[in-house]
Amino acid sequence: MPRIAYVDMVGGAAGDMLLAAFLDAGVDRAALEKALRSIVSEGWTLEPQRVMRGGIAATYAGLVVPGEDGDDAHDRGHLHEHPHAHAHAAGTRHLSDVLAIVERSGLTARQIERASAIYRRLAEAEARVHGTTADAIHFHEVGQIDAILDVAATCVALDLLEIGELRCSAFPIGDGGIRMAHGVYPNPPPASADLLRGWPTRAVDLRAELVTTTAAAILTTLCTPGSRPDMTTELIGYGAGRSDFSIPNVVRIEIGAPNVMVSRSNHGAETVVVLECNVDDMSPEHYELAVERMFAAGAVDVWLTPIVMKKQRPAVTLSAIAAAADESSVAAAMLRETTTLGVRTRSERRHTLEREIASVDTPFGPVRVKRAVGPGVRRVKAEYDDLLRIARERDLTIAEVARAVDASITERTPES
């Protein structure tokens, strides 16, 4: 069964801090380094070190590319002076240059797809900030070899540790300005701020850049929005930055198995809260972010229903289901993200099947499936995200992928 992982940005996040956390959690270092050397075979070293940050024992990655990152002069994890101030000596790369480096590597198709998606998202953010196109963007420090290896390392580690879903905490944001080659910029820098649009952040009283642009691109591309998952933790890793703060300068990764939902009494009956509001003055395109943030607040389901209000005005009822413990946070998200003036709630009972996430071998490799079991009921369905990933990787239609995967499920899914 694929694992789930939670990235807790205790004291920030940087690309090499994520790499270090995976190493600390026990990823196979030899296999990871072999994959990275298929990208760039020589000219860099990986020498992890055990360090202390705020009383927590952690791993510092020790990834060094002499000549391109100033012999590790960047203060990763504490970038009050942003590495743009150092990067020009190493030259710059375009998006096409970075994608070419990744695509001619020995990484798997999925790892290449994920790493490329991270850099495309990053280029699009930079393009919006600078008023140009993604193809025209010049990457500075995020286009250096150490950053490319940091991005690839997370993609490889997810596969080595069999992680099927990645979630993350709110992004910590420090205070003060960031000194860059072009002057003093706000904190976080513009590209990072663009990447974090729509993602929860938390203010931290530290004059430091706590989340680097590379880390913001990695996490907002690969993570599933949402709160800490229900899981049984098996591995924990702490990745260290270089600075000593008043809080531990570490990122923590917890890895484990998603909790299997077991049958409740009365054939799965449980009490839930239904939240609703009527909206008649909101742009339809704004619902996408509202729904996303309601899920992040704890909703287990969200839907929209067209209605007609007074004066025959067309409107929408926005509805959500949540556990009682998440009622307040989901209601707050509805009030904040829509134009409604109030949210009504009611308690209801619902009956559910036992559910679990399993894995089935297919001609395309392992695919996650959701198994649902109850009195007289047994269903297995492939996870849509996996079907979509395979269709993109193999240049197939999703219908073709679904037929092949469904055949494998029928042949190979265990009966219990």
Protein backbone atom coordinates (compact mmCIF):
# COMPACT_ATOMS: atom_id res chain seq x y z
CA MET A 1 0.00 0.00 0.00
CA PRO A 2 1.47 3.43 -0.94
CA ARG A 3 2.53 5.57 1.99
CA ILE A 4 1.49 9.09 2.82
CA ALA A 5 3.89 11.82 3.96
CA TYR A 6 3.41 15.09 5.82
CA VAL A 7 5.92 17.95 5.53
CA ASP A 8 5.89 20.05 8.69
CA MET A 9 7.77 23.31 8.10
CA VAL A 10 8.76 23.79 11.73
CA GLY A 11 11.42 26.40 10.98
CA GLY A 12 11.19 26.82 7.24
CA ALA A 13 11.95 24.81 4.11
CA ALA A 14 14.56 24.82 1.37
CA GLY A 15 15.31 22.35 -1.40
CA ASP A 16 18.30 20.88 0.39
CA MET A 17 16.41 20.80 3.70
CA LEU A 18 13.80 18.54 2.05
CA LEU A 19 16.61 16.36 0.67
CA ALA A 20 18.14 16.18 4.15
CA ALA A 21 14.82 15.26 5.76
CA PHE A 22 14.35 12.34 3.38
CA LEU A 23 17.91 11.19 4.13
CA ASP A 24 17.21 11.49 7.84
CA ALA A 25 14.01 9.46 7.42
CA GLY A 26 16.03 6.61 5.96
CA VAL A 27 15.80 6.87 2.18
CA ASP A 28 18.34 4.63 0.45
CA ARG A 29 21.22 7.10 0.02
CA ALA A 30 23.06 4.98 -2.56
CA ALA A 31 19.97 4.63 -4.74
CA LEU A 32 19.18 8.33 -4.39
CA GLU A 33 22.72 9.40 -5.28
CA LYS A 34 22.80 7.01 -8.25
CA ALA A 35 19.66 8.65 -9.63
CA LEU A 36 21.06 12.15 -9.09
CA ARG A 37 24.34 11.24 -10.79
CA SER A 38 22.34 10.23 -13.85
CA ILE A 39 21.52 13.95 -14.12
CA VAL A 40 25.03 15.30 -13.51
CA SER A 41 27.63 12.59 -13.02
CA GLU A 42 30.53 14.61 -11.60
CA GLY A 43 31.43 17.95 -10.07
CA TRP A 44 29.36 17.71 -6.89
CA THR A 45 29.45 15.97 -3.54
CA LEU A 46 26.78 14.79 -1.13
CA GLU A 47 28.13 14.55 2.42
CA PRO A 48 25.29 14.52 4.97
CA GLN A 49 26.15 15.67 8.48
CA ARG A 50 24.42 15.26 11.83
CA VAL A 51 23.78 18.68 13.39
CA MET A 52 21.71 20.23 16.18
CA ARG A 53 19.13 22.92 15.48
CA GLY A 54 17.30 24.35 18.48
CA GLY A 55 17.93 21.21 20.49
CA ILE A 56 16.70 18.87 17.70
CA ALA A 57 19.12 16.39 16.12
CA ALA A 58 18.80 16.69 12.35
CA THR A 59 20.61 15.97 9.09
CA TYR A 60 22.27 18.69 7.03
CA ALA A 61 22.42 17.57 3.40
CA GLY A 62 25.92 18.78 2.56
CA LEU A 63 25.17 18.96 -1.17
CA VAL A 64 27.97 21.07 -2.66
CA VAL A 65 28.58 22.08 -6.28
CA PRO A 66 31.89 23.99 -6.26
CA GLY A 67 31.88 27.08 -8.40
CA GLU A 68 28.13 27.26 -8.94
CA ASP A 69 26.75 27.82 -5.46
CA GLY A 70 29.67 29.75 -4.02
CA ASP A 71 30.99 26.59 -2.32
CA ASP A 72 27.74 26.43 -0.40
CA ALA A 73 27.89 30.10 0.53
CA HIS A 74 24.11 30.37 0.36
CA ASP A 75 22.58 30.50 3.79
CA ARG A 76 19.89 27.98 2.94
CA GLY A 77 17.01 28.09 5.35
CA HIS A 78 17.96 31.64 6.41
CA LEU A 79 18.16 33.80 3.33
CA HIS A 80 17.95 37.33 4.68
CA GLU A 81 20.48 37.97 1.92
CA HIS A 82 18.92 36.26 -1.05
CA PRO A 83 21.16 34.07 -3.24
CA HIS A 84 20.29 36.19 -6.28
CA ALA A 85 22.96 38.44 -4.81
CA HIS A 86 25.56 35.74 -5.52
CA ALA A 87 24.16 33.92 -8.51
CA HIS A 88 25.19 36.02 -11.47
CA ALA A 89 28.77 34.77 -11.50
CA ALA A 90 27.50 31.29 -12.29
CA GLY A 91 25.46 32.42 -15.29
CA THR A 92 21.81 31.67 -15.92
CA ARG A 93 19.68 29.00 -17.56
CA HIS A 94 16.36 29.17 -19.38
CA LEU A 95 13.47 26.80 -18.71
CA SER A 96 14.36 24.85 -21.87
CA ASP A 97 17.93 24.38 -20.60
CA VAL A 98 16.75 22.97 -17.26
CA LEU A 99 14.14 20.71 -18.87
CA ALA A 100 16.78 19.37 -21.27
CA ILE A 101 19.08 18.50 -18.35
CA VAL A 102 16.26 16.66 -16.59
CA GLU A 103 14.87 14.90 -19.68
CA ARG A 104 18.18 13.42 -20.79
CA SER A 105 18.84 12.01 -17.30
CA GLY A 106 18.34 8.44 -16.15
CA LEU A 107 15.35 9.31 -13.97
CA THR A 108 12.10 7.41 -14.41
CA ALA A 109 9.33 8.87 -16.54
CA ARG A 110 7.35 9.83 -13.45
CA GLN A 111 10.34 11.49 -11.81
CA ILE A 112 11.09 13.46 -14.97
CA GLU A 113 7.43 14.51 -15.24
CA ARG A 114 7.36 15.71 -11.63
CA ALA A 115 10.67 17.57 -11.80
CA SER A 116 9.67 19.21 -15.09
CA ALA A 117 6.29 20.22 -13.63
CA ILE A 118 8.07 21.91 -10.71
CA TYR A 119 10.25 23.96 -13.04
CA ARG A 120 7.37 24.86 -15.34
CA ARG A 121 5.38 26.11 -12.35
CA LEU A 122 8.41 28.07 -11.20
CA ALA A 123 8.94 29.60 -14.63
CA GLU A 124 5.29 30.62 -14.84
CA ALA A 125 5.52 32.34 -11.46
CA GLU A 126 8.69 34.19 -12.47
CA ALA A 127 7.07 35.18 -15.76
CA ARG A 128 4.05 36.71 -14.00
CA VAL A 129 6.34 38.65 -11.66
CA HIS A 130 8.55 40.01 -14.44
CA GLY A 131 5.84 40.55 -17.05
CA THR A 132 7.26 38.15 -19.62
CA THR A 133 6.85 34.55 -20.77
CA ALA A 134 7.96 31.35 -19.07
CA ASP A 135 10.27 30.51 -21.97
CA ALA A 136 12.02 33.87 -21.70
CA ILE A 137 12.75 33.64 -17.98
CA HIS A 138 16.40 33.51 -16.88
CA PHE A 139 16.77 31.22 -13.87
CA HIS A 140 19.49 32.39 -11.50
CA GLU A 141 20.12 30.35 -8.33
CA VAL A 142 17.10 28.11 -8.96
CA GLY A 143 18.66 27.11 -12.27
CA GLN A 144 21.96 26.05 -10.77
CA ILE A 145 22.91 22.40 -10.61
CA ASP A 146 22.44 22.18 -6.84
CA ALA A 147 18.85 23.42 -7.16
CA ILE A 148 18.15 21.00 -10.03
CA LEU A 149 19.49 18.16 -7.88
CA ASP A 150 17.40 19.32 -4.90
CA VAL A 151 14.24 19.27 -7.03
CA ALA A 152 15.04 15.86 -8.49
CA ALA A 153 15.96 14.47 -5.05
CA THR A 154 12.44 14.98 -3.71
CA CYS A 155 10.93 13.34 -6.82
CA VAL A 156 13.25 10.34 -6.48
CA ALA A 157 12.77 10.04 -2.70
CA LEU A 158 8.99 9.86 -3.09
CA ASP A 159 9.41 6.77 -5.26
CA LEU A 160 12.13 5.14 -3.15
CA LEU A 161 9.99 5.49 -0.03
CA GLU A 162 6.82 4.46 -1.91
CA ILE A 163 5.00 7.67 -1.02
CA GLY A 164 1.75 8.01 -2.91
CA GLU A 165 0.54 11.28 -1.38
CA LEU A 166 2.40 14.29 0.00
CA ARG A 167 0.84 16.98 2.18
CA CYS A 168 2.36 19.97 3.93
CA SER A 169 1.76 22.40 6.78
CA ALA A 170 1.15 26.13 6.40
CA PHE A 171 4.17 27.96 4.97
CA PRO A 172 6.03 30.07 7.59
CA ILE A 173 6.72 33.63 6.46
CA GLY A 174 9.39 35.75 8.16
CA ASP A 175 9.66 39.50 8.60
CA GLY A 176 11.94 42.14 7.10
CA GLY A 177 13.21 42.68 3.58
CA ILE A 178 15.34 40.43 1.41
CA ARG A 179 18.56 41.91 0.05
CA MET A 180 18.93 40.92 -3.61
CA ALA A 181 21.12 41.97 -6.52
CA HIS A 182 18.49 44.50 -7.64
CA GLY A 183 17.90 45.99 -4.17
CA VAL A 184 15.78 45.17 -1.13
CA TYR A 185 12.74 43.06 -1.94
CA PRO A 186 9.75 42.18 0.24
CA ASN A 187 9.66 38.98 2.25
CA PRO A 188 8.83 36.54 0.72
CA PRO A 189 10.36 37.55 -2.64
CA PRO A 190 7.89 38.09 -5.50
CA ALA A 191 8.29 34.68 -7.17
CA SER A 192 7.84 32.86 -3.87
CA ALA A 193 4.78 34.95 -3.04
CA ASP A 194 3.26 34.07 -6.42
CA LEU A 195 3.91 30.36 -5.88
CA LEU A 196 2.19 30.51 -2.48
CA ARG A 197 -1.02 32.09 -3.76
CA GLY A 198 -3.93 30.00 -2.53
CA TRP A 199 -1.82 28.16 0.05
CA PRO A 200 -2.07 28.74 3.83
CA THR A 201 0.76 30.72 5.41
CA ARG A 202 1.64 31.69 8.97
CA ALA A 203 3.54 34.73 10.19
CA VAL A 204 6.78 34.16 12.13
CA ASP A 205 8.54 36.92 14.08
CA LEU A 206 11.96 36.36 12.48
CA ARG A 207 13.86 38.62 10.09
CA ALA A 208 14.62 35.84 7.64
CA GLU A 209 13.36 34.22 4.46
CA LEU A 210 12.10 30.94 5.86
CA VAL A 211 10.85 29.27 2.65
CA THR A 212 13.06 29.42 -0.42
CA THR A 213 11.63 29.73 -3.89
CA THR A 214 12.84 26.23 -4.75
CA ALA A 215 11.02 24.71 -1.75
CA ALA A 216 7.87 26.69 -2.52
CA ALA A 217 7.90 25.36 -6.09
CA ILE A 218 8.51 21.75 -4.99
CA LEU A 219 5.81 21.67 -2.33
CA THR A 220 3.08 23.58 -4.16
CA THR A 221 3.56 21.33 -7.19
CA LEU A 222 3.72 17.96 -5.46
CA CYS A 223 1.59 18.39 -2.34
CA THR A 224 -2.11 17.74 -2.01
CA PRO A 225 -3.85 20.64 -0.23
CA GLY A 226 -5.27 19.63 3.10
CA SER A 227 -4.67 19.29 6.78
CA ARG A 228 -2.44 16.76 8.52
CA PRO A 229 -3.54 13.35 7.23
CA ASP A 230 -4.90 10.47 9.27
CA MET A 231 -1.93 8.14 9.27
CA THR A 232 0.15 5.70 11.27
CA THR A 233 3.65 7.19 11.31
CA GLU A 234 6.49 4.79 10.45
CA LEU A 235 9.40 7.11 9.63
CA ILE A 236 10.35 10.64 10.77
CA GLY A 237 13.13 12.75 9.30
CA TYR A 238 14.48 16.19 10.23
CA GLY A 239 16.28 18.26 7.59
CA ALA A 240 18.39 21.17 8.82
CA GLY A 241 19.05 24.61 7.41
CA ARG A 242 22.31 26.38 8.20
CA SER A 243 20.99 28.99 10.63
CA ASP A 244 20.20 29.01 14.33
CA PHE A 245 16.89 30.70 15.02
CA SER A 246 14.80 31.14 18.13
CA ILE A 247 12.85 28.22 16.67
CA PRO A 248 14.52 25.05 15.33
CA ASN A 249 15.64 25.68 11.74
CA VAL A 250 14.37 22.30 10.53
CA VAL A 251 11.75 20.79 8.28
CA ARG A 252 10.18 17.55 9.50
CA ILE A 253 8.82 14.81 7.27
CA GLU A 254 6.53 12.17 8.76
CA ILE A 255 5.95 9.10 6.59
CA GLY A 256 3.52 6.27 7.19
CA ALA A 257 0.47 4.33 6.17
CA PRO A 258 -2.90 6.04 5.74
CA ASN A 259 -5.34 4.91 8.39
CA VAL A 260 -7.88 2.41 7.13
CA MET A 261 -11.44 3.49 7.86
CA VAL A 262 -13.07 0.69 9.81
CA SER A 263 -16.73 -0.17 10.11
CA ARG A 264 -18.65 1.66 12.77
CA SER A 265 -21.62 0.38 14.66
CA ASN A 266 -24.92 0.37 12.80
CA HIS A 267 -23.16 -0.50 9.53
CA GLY A 268 -20.95 2.57 9.41
CA ALA A 269 -23.29 5.23 10.79
CA GLU A 270 -21.59 8.43 11.92
CA THR A 271 -22.60 11.98 12.76
CA VAL A 272 -21.39 14.72 10.44
CA VAL A 273 -22.04 18.43 10.03
CA VAL A 274 -23.57 19.80 6.83
CA LEU A 275 -22.71 23.44 6.10
CA GLU A 276 -24.53 25.52 3.48
CA CYS A 277 -24.82 29.05 2.19
CA ASN A 278 -26.68 30.68 -0.71
CA VAL A 279 -24.66 32.94 -3.01
CA ASP A 280 -26.09 35.12 -5.77
CA ASP A 281 -23.44 37.80 -6.33
CA MET A 282 -20.15 35.96 -6.85
CA SER A 283 -18.19 35.37 -10.05
CA PRO A 284 -18.42 31.67 -11.01
CA GLU A 285 -14.66 31.48 -11.60
CA HIS A 286 -14.05 32.27 -7.90
CA TYR A 287 -15.64 29.05 -6.71
CA GLU A 288 -12.61 26.94 -7.64
CA LEU A 289 -10.36 28.52 -4.99
CA ALA A 290 -13.19 28.64 -2.45
CA VAL A 291 -13.79 24.90 -2.81
CA GLU A 292 -10.05 24.18 -2.63
CA ARG A 293 -9.71 26.10 0.62
CA MET A 294 -12.78 24.47 2.13
CA PHE A 295 -11.17 21.08 1.54
CA ALA A 296 -7.95 22.41 3.07
CA ALA A 297 -9.98 23.50 6.11
CA GLY A 298 -11.22 19.95 6.67
CA ALA A 299 -14.27 19.42 4.46
CA VAL A 300 -14.70 15.82 3.30
CA ASP A 301 -17.00 16.77 0.44
CA VAL A 302 -18.03 20.05 -1.25
CA TRP A 303 -20.61 20.66 -3.99
CA LEU A 304 -22.61 23.42 -5.69
CA THR A 305 -26.32 23.32 -6.54
CA PRO A 306 -28.04 25.84 -8.84
CA ILE A 307 -31.10 27.52 -7.26
CA VAL A 308 -33.44 30.43 -7.92
CA MET A 309 -33.79 33.08 -5.20
CA LYS A 310 -36.10 36.06 -4.72
CA LYS A 311 -36.88 38.20 -7.76
CA GLN A 312 -36.14 35.06 -9.80
CA ARG A 313 -32.42 35.70 -9.38
CA PRO A 314 -30.21 32.67 -10.29
CA ALA A 315 -27.91 31.65 -7.47
CA VAL A 316 -25.90 28.76 -6.05
CA THR A 317 -26.11 26.79 -2.82
CA LEU A 318 -22.59 25.95 -1.69
CA SER A 319 -22.63 22.86 0.52
CA ALA A 320 -20.02 20.92 2.47
CA ILE A 321 -19.77 17.93 4.78
CA ALA A 322 -17.29 17.97 7.65
CA ALA A 323 -16.56 16.29 10.94
CA ALA A 324 -17.88 18.16 13.98
CA ALA A 325 -14.32 19.09 14.97
CA ASP A 326 -13.81 20.86 11.61
CA GLU A 327 -17.12 22.76 11.55
CA SER A 328 -15.65 26.11 12.62
CA SER A 329 -12.70 26.03 10.23
CA VAL A 330 -14.84 25.03 7.23
CA ALA A 331 -17.44 27.70 8.07
CA ALA A 332 -14.67 30.28 8.36
CA ALA A 333 -13.35 29.30 4.92
CA MET A 334 -16.85 29.64 3.40
CA LEU A 335 -17.29 33.10 4.94
CA ARG A 336 -13.82 34.24 3.90
CA GLU A 337 -13.74 32.87 0.36
CA THR A 338 -17.29 33.69 -0.79
CA THR A 339 -19.56 36.72 -0.71
CA THR A 340 -22.07 35.11 1.65
CA LEU A 341 -23.01 36.84 4.90
CA GLY A 342 -23.81 33.67 6.80
CA VAL A 343 -23.43 29.89 6.91
CA ARG A 344 -26.09 27.55 8.25
CA THR A 345 -25.23 24.17 9.72
CA ARG A 346 -27.04 21.04 10.79
CA SER A 347 -26.04 17.64 12.14
CA GLU A 348 -26.89 14.57 10.10
CA ARG A 349 -26.20 10.87 10.22
CA ARG A 350 -24.52 9.12 7.31
CA HIS A 351 -23.72 5.48 6.58
CA THR A 352 -20.40 4.68 4.93
CA LEU A 353 -18.58 1.65 3.62
CA GLU A 354 -15.22 0.55 4.96
CA ARG A 355 -12.58 2.14 2.77
CA GLU A 356 -8.87 1.68 2.28
CA ILE A 357 -6.20 2.61 -0.22
CA ALA A 358 -4.34 -0.34 -1.72
CA SER A 359 -2.00 -0.87 -4.67
CA VAL A 360 -2.42 -3.09 -7.73
CA ASP A 361 0.30 -4.06 -10.20
CA THR A 362 -0.59 -3.08 -13.76
CA PRO A 363 1.25 -2.99 -17.12
CA PHE A 364 2.04 0.64 -16.24
CA GLY A 365 3.42 -0.18 -12.80
CA PRO A 366 1.75 0.09 -9.38
CA VAL A 367 -1.55 2.00 -9.33
CA ARG A 368 -3.39 3.08 -6.21
CA VAL A 369 -6.93 1.78 -5.84
CA LYS A 370 -9.69 2.58 -3.38
CA ARG A 371 -11.40 -0.48 -1.96
CA ALA A 372 -14.88 -0.15 -0.44
CA VAL A 373 -16.44 -2.99 1.53
CA GLY A 374 -19.77 -3.37 3.35
CA PRO A 375 -22.74 -5.69 3.77
CA GLY A 376 -23.16 -7.26 0.33
CA VAL A 377 -20.86 -4.64 -1.25
CA ARG A 378 -17.30 -4.95 -2.57
CA ARG A 379 -15.94 -2.33 -4.97
CA VAL A 380 -12.48 -1.45 -6.24
CA LYS A 381 -11.74 1.70 -8.22
CA ALA A 382 -8.45 3.13 -9.48
CA GLU A 383 -7.34 6.53 -8.22
CA TYR A 384 -8.00 9.11 -10.92
CA ASP A 385 -4.74 10.99 -10.26
CA ASP A 386 -2.74 7.84 -11.08
CA LEU A 387 -4.69 7.28 -14.30
CA LEU A 388 -4.10 10.90 -15.30
CA ARG A 389 -0.36 10.66 -14.56
CA ILE A 390 -0.01 7.49 -16.66
CA ALA A 391 -1.98 8.96 -19.55
CA ARG A 392 0.35 11.97 -19.61
CA GLU A 393 3.50 9.88 -19.27
CA ARG A 394 2.52 7.39 -22.01
CA ASP A 395 0.69 9.85 -24.31
CA LEU A 396 -2.47 7.73 -24.09
CA THR A 397 -6.10 8.67 -23.63
CA ILE A 398 -7.34 8.30 -20.10
CA ALA A 399 -9.99 5.85 -21.37
CA GLU A 400 -7.25 3.55 -22.72
CA VAL A 401 -5.41 3.67 -19.41
CA ALA A 402 -8.59 3.05 -17.43
CA ARG A 403 -9.48 -0.04 -19.48
CA ALA A 404 -6.04 -1.59 -18.98
CA VAL A 405 -5.97 -0.78 -15.28
CA ASP A 406 -9.50 -2.07 -14.74
CA ALA A 407 -8.48 -5.36 -16.37
CA SER A 408 -5.55 -5.64 -13.98
CA ILE A 409 -7.79 -4.87 -11.02
CA THR A 410 -10.20 -7.63 -12.05
CA GLU A 411 -7.35 -10.14 -12.39
CA ARG A 412 -5.13 -9.24 -9.48
CA THR A 413 -7.03 -7.47 -6.68
CA PRO A 414 -7.16 -9.74 -3.62
CA GLU A 415 -10.62 -10.74 -2.42
CA SER A 416 -9.86 -9.56 1.12
